[in-house]
Amino acid sequence: MNIFDRTVSCLEKALGLALTRHNLIAANLANMDTPGYVGRDIAFQDELKRAMEAVPVRVGDRELPPAAPEVFEEGPVDLDVESARLAQNQITHDALSKLVSKKFEMLKYAISEGGK
């Protein structure tokens, strides 16, 4: 029996994508002055949609991890663009984290029989 519904699974996938995007943006900023470095990113919305539509693959009683998001190269790194992406990604991550927190608060409330 699984006590977590599809919402928790979706939020988990979205948080994972936000983390992946954060790491790519951080790498872009760290290597901004590296000669020949090409900035990389993921299409967050497209990858989230792909992750939601993916059918889990099971081997025995284990579920295989989903395919890694498609990372694309986008050319030279621009500080302003990357800073804006980082801020947007942080807002997305914070919102997703709040949703997960609220979901677990609801579960805790149900477990405690409505606060009795």
N, C-alpha and C. Protein backbone atom coordinates (compact mmCIF):
# COMPACT_ATOMS: atom_id res chain seq x y z
N MET A 1 0.84 -1.19 0.00
CA MET A 1 0.00 0.00 0.00
C MET A 1 0.88 1.24 0.00
N ASN A 2 0.53 2.19 -0.82
CA ASN A 2 1.29 3.43 -0.94
C ASN A 2 0.48 4.57 -0.34
N ILE A 3 1.02 5.22 0.70
CA ILE A 3 0.29 6.32 1.35
C ILE A 3 0.46 7.64 0.58
N PHE A 4 1.39 7.65 -0.38
CA PHE A 4 1.61 8.86 -1.14
C PHE A 4 0.88 8.77 -2.47
N ASP A 5 0.15 9.82 -2.79
CA ASP A 5 -0.62 9.81 -4.03
C ASP A 5 0.21 10.34 -5.20
N ARG A 6 -0.44 10.47 -6.31
CA ARG A 6 0.24 10.94 -7.54
C ARG A 6 0.80 12.34 -7.36
N THR A 7 0.16 13.16 -6.56
CA THR A 7 0.62 14.53 -6.35
C THR A 7 2.02 14.55 -5.77
N VAL A 8 2.28 13.72 -4.77
CA VAL A 8 3.60 13.68 -4.14
C VAL A 8 4.64 13.22 -5.15
N SER A 9 4.28 12.25 -5.97
CA SER A 9 5.19 11.76 -7.00
C SER A 9 5.52 12.87 -8.01
N CYS A 10 4.52 13.62 -8.41
CA CYS A 10 4.72 14.72 -9.35
C CYS A 10 5.60 15.82 -8.74
N LEU A 11 5.34 16.13 -7.49
CA LEU A 11 6.14 17.14 -6.81
C LEU A 11 7.59 16.70 -6.66
N GLU A 12 7.79 15.41 -6.39
CA GLU A 12 9.14 14.86 -6.28
C GLU A 12 9.89 15.03 -7.60
N LYS A 13 9.24 14.71 -8.70
CA LYS A 13 9.86 14.84 -10.02
C LYS A 13 10.17 16.31 -10.33
N ALA A 14 9.24 17.19 -10.01
CA ALA A 14 9.44 18.62 -10.28
C ALA A 14 10.59 19.18 -9.44
N LEU A 15 10.68 18.77 -8.18
CA LEU A 15 11.79 19.22 -7.34
C LEU A 15 13.12 18.70 -7.88
N GLY A 16 13.14 17.49 -8.37
CA GLY A 16 14.36 16.94 -8.95
C GLY A 16 14.80 17.72 -10.18
N LEU A 17 13.84 18.09 -11.01
CA LEU A 17 14.16 18.91 -12.19
C LEU A 17 14.65 20.30 -11.79
N ALA A 18 14.04 20.87 -10.77
CA ALA A 18 14.49 22.19 -10.29
C ALA A 18 15.92 22.11 -9.78
N LEU A 19 16.26 21.02 -9.10
CA LEU A 19 17.63 20.84 -8.62
C LEU A 19 18.60 20.69 -9.79
N THR A 20 18.21 19.90 -10.78
CA THR A 20 19.06 19.73 -11.96
C THR A 20 19.30 21.07 -12.64
N ARG A 21 18.23 21.84 -12.79
CA ARG A 21 18.36 23.15 -13.44
C ARG A 21 19.24 24.09 -12.62
N HIS A 22 19.09 24.05 -11.30
CA HIS A 22 19.92 24.88 -10.42
C HIS A 22 21.40 24.54 -10.63
N ASN A 23 21.71 23.24 -10.68
CA ASN A 23 23.10 22.83 -10.86
C ASN A 23 23.66 23.28 -12.20
N LEU A 24 22.84 23.22 -13.25
CA LEU A 24 23.29 23.69 -14.56
C LEU A 24 23.54 25.19 -14.56
N ILE A 25 22.65 25.94 -13.95
CA ILE A 25 22.81 27.40 -13.89
C ILE A 25 24.05 27.75 -13.06
N ALA A 26 24.25 27.06 -11.95
CA ALA A 26 25.43 27.31 -11.12
C ALA A 26 26.71 27.01 -11.90
N ALA A 27 26.71 25.93 -12.67
CA ALA A 27 27.88 25.59 -13.49
C ALA A 27 28.10 26.66 -14.56
N ASN A 28 27.02 27.16 -15.14
CA ASN A 28 27.15 28.23 -16.14
C ASN A 28 27.79 29.47 -15.53
N LEU A 29 27.33 29.84 -14.35
CA LEU A 29 27.88 31.03 -13.69
C LEU A 29 29.34 30.81 -13.27
N ALA A 30 29.64 29.62 -12.79
CA ALA A 30 31.00 29.33 -12.35
C ALA A 30 31.99 29.33 -13.51
N ASN A 31 31.52 28.95 -14.70
CA ASN A 31 32.40 28.84 -15.86
C ASN A 31 32.22 29.97 -16.86
N MET A 32 31.56 31.02 -16.44
CA MET A 32 31.23 32.13 -17.32
C MET A 32 32.47 32.68 -18.04
N ASP A 33 33.59 32.77 -17.35
CA ASP A 33 34.80 33.34 -17.93
C ASP A 33 35.75 32.29 -18.49
N THR A 34 35.32 31.04 -18.52
CA THR A 34 36.16 29.97 -19.07
C THR A 34 36.10 30.04 -20.59
N PRO A 35 37.25 30.17 -21.24
CA PRO A 35 37.25 30.23 -22.71
C PRO A 35 36.64 28.96 -23.32
N GLY A 36 35.76 29.16 -24.27
CA GLY A 36 35.14 28.04 -24.97
C GLY A 36 33.99 27.37 -24.25
N TYR A 37 33.69 27.81 -23.03
CA TYR A 37 32.58 27.18 -22.29
C TYR A 37 31.26 27.57 -22.94
N VAL A 38 30.37 26.61 -23.06
CA VAL A 38 29.05 26.84 -23.63
C VAL A 38 28.01 26.60 -22.54
N GLY A 39 27.14 27.57 -22.33
CA GLY A 39 26.09 27.46 -21.32
C GLY A 39 25.14 26.32 -21.63
N ARG A 40 24.60 25.70 -20.57
CA ARG A 40 23.67 24.59 -20.73
C ARG A 40 22.44 24.83 -19.86
N ASP A 41 21.33 24.23 -20.29
CA ASP A 41 20.07 24.37 -19.56
C ASP A 41 19.15 23.21 -19.94
N ILE A 42 18.01 23.14 -19.26
CA ILE A 42 16.96 22.20 -19.62
C ILE A 42 15.69 22.99 -19.87
N ALA A 43 14.82 22.44 -20.67
CA ALA A 43 13.49 23.04 -20.88
C ALA A 43 12.61 22.50 -19.76
N PHE A 44 12.52 23.23 -18.66
CA PHE A 44 11.86 22.75 -17.45
C PHE A 44 10.44 22.25 -17.71
N GLN A 45 9.63 23.06 -18.38
CA GLN A 45 8.23 22.68 -18.62
C GLN A 45 8.13 21.41 -19.46
N ASP A 46 8.94 21.34 -20.52
CA ASP A 46 8.91 20.15 -21.38
C ASP A 46 9.37 18.91 -20.63
N GLU A 47 10.42 19.05 -19.85
CA GLU A 47 10.94 17.91 -19.10
C GLU A 47 9.96 17.46 -18.02
N LEU A 48 9.29 18.41 -17.40
CA LEU A 48 8.30 18.06 -16.39
C LEU A 48 7.13 17.30 -17.03
N LYS A 49 6.70 17.77 -18.18
CA LYS A 49 5.62 17.08 -18.89
C LYS A 49 6.06 15.67 -19.27
N ARG A 50 7.28 15.53 -19.76
CA ARG A 50 7.80 14.21 -20.13
C ARG A 50 7.88 13.30 -18.91
N ALA A 51 8.32 13.84 -17.78
CA ALA A 51 8.43 13.04 -16.56
C ALA A 51 7.06 12.60 -16.05
N MET A 52 6.05 13.45 -16.20
CA MET A 52 4.70 13.11 -15.75
C MET A 52 4.07 12.04 -16.63
N GLU A 53 4.41 12.06 -17.91
CA GLU A 53 3.81 11.10 -18.84
C GLU A 53 4.57 9.77 -18.90
N ALA A 54 5.77 9.74 -18.32
CA ALA A 54 6.60 8.53 -18.39
C ALA A 54 5.95 7.39 -17.60
N VAL A 55 5.99 6.23 -18.19
CA VAL A 55 5.48 5.04 -17.53
C VAL A 55 6.65 4.41 -16.77
N PRO A 56 6.49 4.18 -15.46
CA PRO A 56 7.59 3.60 -14.69
C PRO A 56 7.95 2.20 -15.21
N VAL A 57 9.24 1.94 -15.28
CA VAL A 57 9.72 0.63 -15.72
C VAL A 57 10.13 -0.15 -14.48
N ARG A 58 9.58 -1.35 -14.34
CA ARG A 58 9.86 -2.17 -13.17
C ARG A 58 10.65 -3.40 -13.58
N VAL A 59 11.65 -3.73 -12.78
CA VAL A 59 12.41 -4.96 -12.94
C VAL A 59 12.26 -5.71 -11.63
N GLY A 60 11.47 -6.77 -11.66
CA GLY A 60 11.16 -7.47 -10.42
C GLY A 60 10.32 -6.57 -9.54
N ASP A 61 10.81 -6.32 -8.34
CA ASP A 61 10.09 -5.42 -7.43
C ASP A 61 10.77 -4.05 -7.33
N ARG A 62 11.72 -3.78 -8.23
CA ARG A 62 12.41 -2.48 -8.25
C ARG A 62 11.95 -1.65 -9.42
N GLU A 63 11.83 -0.35 -9.18
CA GLU A 63 11.48 0.59 -10.25
C GLU A 63 12.76 1.26 -10.72
N LEU A 64 12.99 1.23 -12.04
CA LEU A 64 14.18 1.87 -12.59
C LEU A 64 14.03 3.38 -12.54
N PRO A 65 15.14 4.09 -12.33
CA PRO A 65 15.05 5.55 -12.31
C PRO A 65 14.65 6.09 -13.68
N PRO A 66 13.98 7.24 -13.70
CA PRO A 66 13.56 7.82 -14.98
C PRO A 66 14.77 8.28 -15.80
N ALA A 67 14.56 8.45 -17.07
CA ALA A 67 15.62 8.94 -17.95
C ALA A 67 16.04 10.35 -17.52
N ALA A 68 17.32 10.63 -17.67
CA ALA A 68 17.84 11.95 -17.31
C ALA A 68 17.23 13.00 -18.24
N PRO A 69 17.04 14.22 -17.73
CA PRO A 69 16.48 15.27 -18.59
C PRO A 69 17.44 15.61 -19.74
N GLU A 70 16.86 16.05 -20.84
CA GLU A 70 17.67 16.43 -22.00
C GLU A 70 18.27 17.81 -21.75
N VAL A 71 19.59 17.86 -21.76
CA VAL A 71 20.32 19.11 -21.55
C VAL A 71 20.73 19.65 -22.91
N PHE A 72 20.47 20.92 -23.14
CA PHE A 72 20.86 21.52 -24.41
C PHE A 72 21.86 22.63 -24.19
N GLU A 73 22.69 22.86 -25.20
CA GLU A 73 23.68 23.93 -25.15
C GLU A 73 23.06 25.17 -25.78
N GLU A 74 23.41 26.32 -25.20
CA GLU A 74 22.78 27.55 -25.70
C GLU A 74 23.74 28.67 -26.03
N GLY A 75 25.01 28.43 -26.02
CA GLY A 75 25.96 29.46 -26.41
C GLY A 75 26.62 30.12 -25.22
N PRO A 76 27.20 31.30 -25.46
CA PRO A 76 27.93 32.01 -24.40
C PRO A 76 27.02 32.33 -23.21
N VAL A 77 27.61 32.39 -22.04
CA VAL A 77 26.87 32.66 -20.81
C VAL A 77 26.74 34.16 -20.61
N ASP A 78 25.52 34.60 -20.33
CA ASP A 78 25.24 36.01 -20.05
C ASP A 78 24.85 36.11 -18.57
N LEU A 79 25.57 36.91 -17.81
CA LEU A 79 25.35 37.03 -16.37
C LEU A 79 23.92 37.42 -16.04
N ASP A 80 23.37 38.39 -16.75
CA ASP A 80 22.00 38.84 -16.46
C ASP A 80 20.97 37.75 -16.73
N VAL A 81 21.13 37.05 -17.83
CA VAL A 81 20.20 35.97 -18.18
C VAL A 81 20.27 34.86 -17.14
N GLU A 82 21.48 34.45 -16.79
CA GLU A 82 21.64 33.36 -15.82
C GLU A 82 21.14 33.77 -14.43
N SER A 83 21.36 35.02 -14.05
CA SER A 83 20.86 35.50 -12.75
C SER A 83 19.34 35.47 -12.72
N ALA A 84 18.71 35.86 -13.82
CA ALA A 84 17.24 35.83 -13.89
C ALA A 84 16.74 34.39 -13.83
N ARG A 85 17.41 33.49 -14.54
CA ARG A 85 17.02 32.07 -14.51
C ARG A 85 17.17 31.49 -13.11
N LEU A 86 18.25 31.87 -12.45
CA LEU A 86 18.48 31.38 -11.09
C LEU A 86 17.38 31.87 -10.15
N ALA A 87 17.00 33.13 -10.27
CA ALA A 87 15.92 33.68 -9.43
C ALA A 87 14.60 32.98 -9.72
N GLN A 88 14.29 32.78 -11.00
CA GLN A 88 13.05 32.10 -11.38
C GLN A 88 13.04 30.67 -10.87
N ASN A 89 14.16 29.98 -11.01
CA ASN A 89 14.25 28.60 -10.55
C ASN A 89 14.11 28.51 -9.03
N GLN A 90 14.66 29.48 -8.32
CA GLN A 90 14.54 29.51 -6.86
C GLN A 90 13.08 29.69 -6.44
N ILE A 91 12.37 30.56 -7.13
CA ILE A 91 10.94 30.77 -6.84
C ILE A 91 10.16 29.48 -7.10
N THR A 92 10.47 28.81 -8.20
CA THR A 92 9.82 27.54 -8.53
C THR A 92 10.09 26.50 -7.45
N HIS A 93 11.35 26.39 -7.06
CA HIS A 93 11.74 25.41 -6.03
C HIS A 93 11.04 25.71 -4.70
N ASP A 94 11.00 26.97 -4.32
CA ASP A 94 10.35 27.35 -3.06
C ASP A 94 8.86 27.01 -3.08
N ALA A 95 8.20 27.29 -4.21
CA ALA A 95 6.77 26.98 -4.33
C ALA A 95 6.53 25.48 -4.25
N LEU A 96 7.36 24.70 -4.93
CA LEU A 96 7.22 23.25 -4.88
C LEU A 96 7.46 22.72 -3.47
N SER A 97 8.46 23.27 -2.80
CA SER A 97 8.75 22.85 -1.42
C SER A 97 7.58 23.14 -0.49
N LYS A 98 6.95 24.29 -0.67
CA LYS A 98 5.77 24.63 0.14
C LYS A 98 4.63 23.65 -0.11
N LEU A 99 4.44 23.28 -1.37
CA LEU A 99 3.39 22.32 -1.70
C LEU A 99 3.65 20.97 -1.04
N VAL A 100 4.89 20.51 -1.08
CA VAL A 100 5.24 19.25 -0.43
C VAL A 100 4.99 19.34 1.07
N SER A 101 5.39 20.46 1.66
CA SER A 101 5.19 20.67 3.10
C SER A 101 3.71 20.63 3.45
N LYS A 102 2.89 21.31 2.66
CA LYS A 102 1.44 21.32 2.92
C LYS A 102 0.84 19.93 2.77
N LYS A 103 1.32 19.19 1.79
CA LYS A 103 0.82 17.83 1.57
C LYS A 103 1.12 16.96 2.79
N PHE A 104 2.33 17.08 3.34
CA PHE A 104 2.69 16.29 4.51
C PHE A 104 1.97 16.78 5.77
N GLU A 105 1.68 18.07 5.84
CA GLU A 105 0.88 18.58 6.96
C GLU A 105 -0.52 17.97 6.93
N MET A 106 -1.09 17.84 5.74
CA MET A 106 -2.41 17.23 5.60
C MET A 106 -2.37 15.76 6.02
N LEU A 107 -1.31 15.07 5.63
CA LEU A 107 -1.15 13.66 6.00
C LEU A 107 -1.00 13.52 7.52
N LYS A 108 -0.21 14.40 8.10
CA LYS A 108 -0.02 14.38 9.55
C LYS A 108 -1.35 14.65 10.27
N TYR A 109 -2.13 15.59 9.74
CA TYR A 109 -3.42 15.92 10.32
C TYR A 109 -4.36 14.70 10.28
N ALA A 110 -4.34 14.00 9.14
CA ALA A 110 -5.18 12.81 8.99
C ALA A 110 -4.73 11.70 9.94
N ILE A 111 -3.43 11.54 10.09
CA ILE A 111 -2.91 10.50 10.98
C ILE A 111 -3.29 10.78 12.42
N SER A 112 -3.31 12.08 12.78
CA SER A 112 -3.66 12.44 14.17
C SER A 112 -5.17 12.52 14.38
N GLU A 113 -5.92 11.98 13.40
CA GLU A 113 -7.38 11.93 13.46
C GLU A 113 -7.99 13.32 13.60
N GLY A 114 -7.48 14.23 12.80
CA GLY A 114 -8.05 15.58 12.78
C GLY A 114 -7.71 16.40 14.00
N GLY A 115 -6.59 16.12 14.63
CA GLY A 115 -6.15 16.90 15.77
C GLY A 115 -6.79 16.50 17.10
N LYS A 116 -7.39 15.31 17.15
CA LYS A 116 -8.02 14.85 18.40
C LYS A 116 -7.00 14.58 19.45
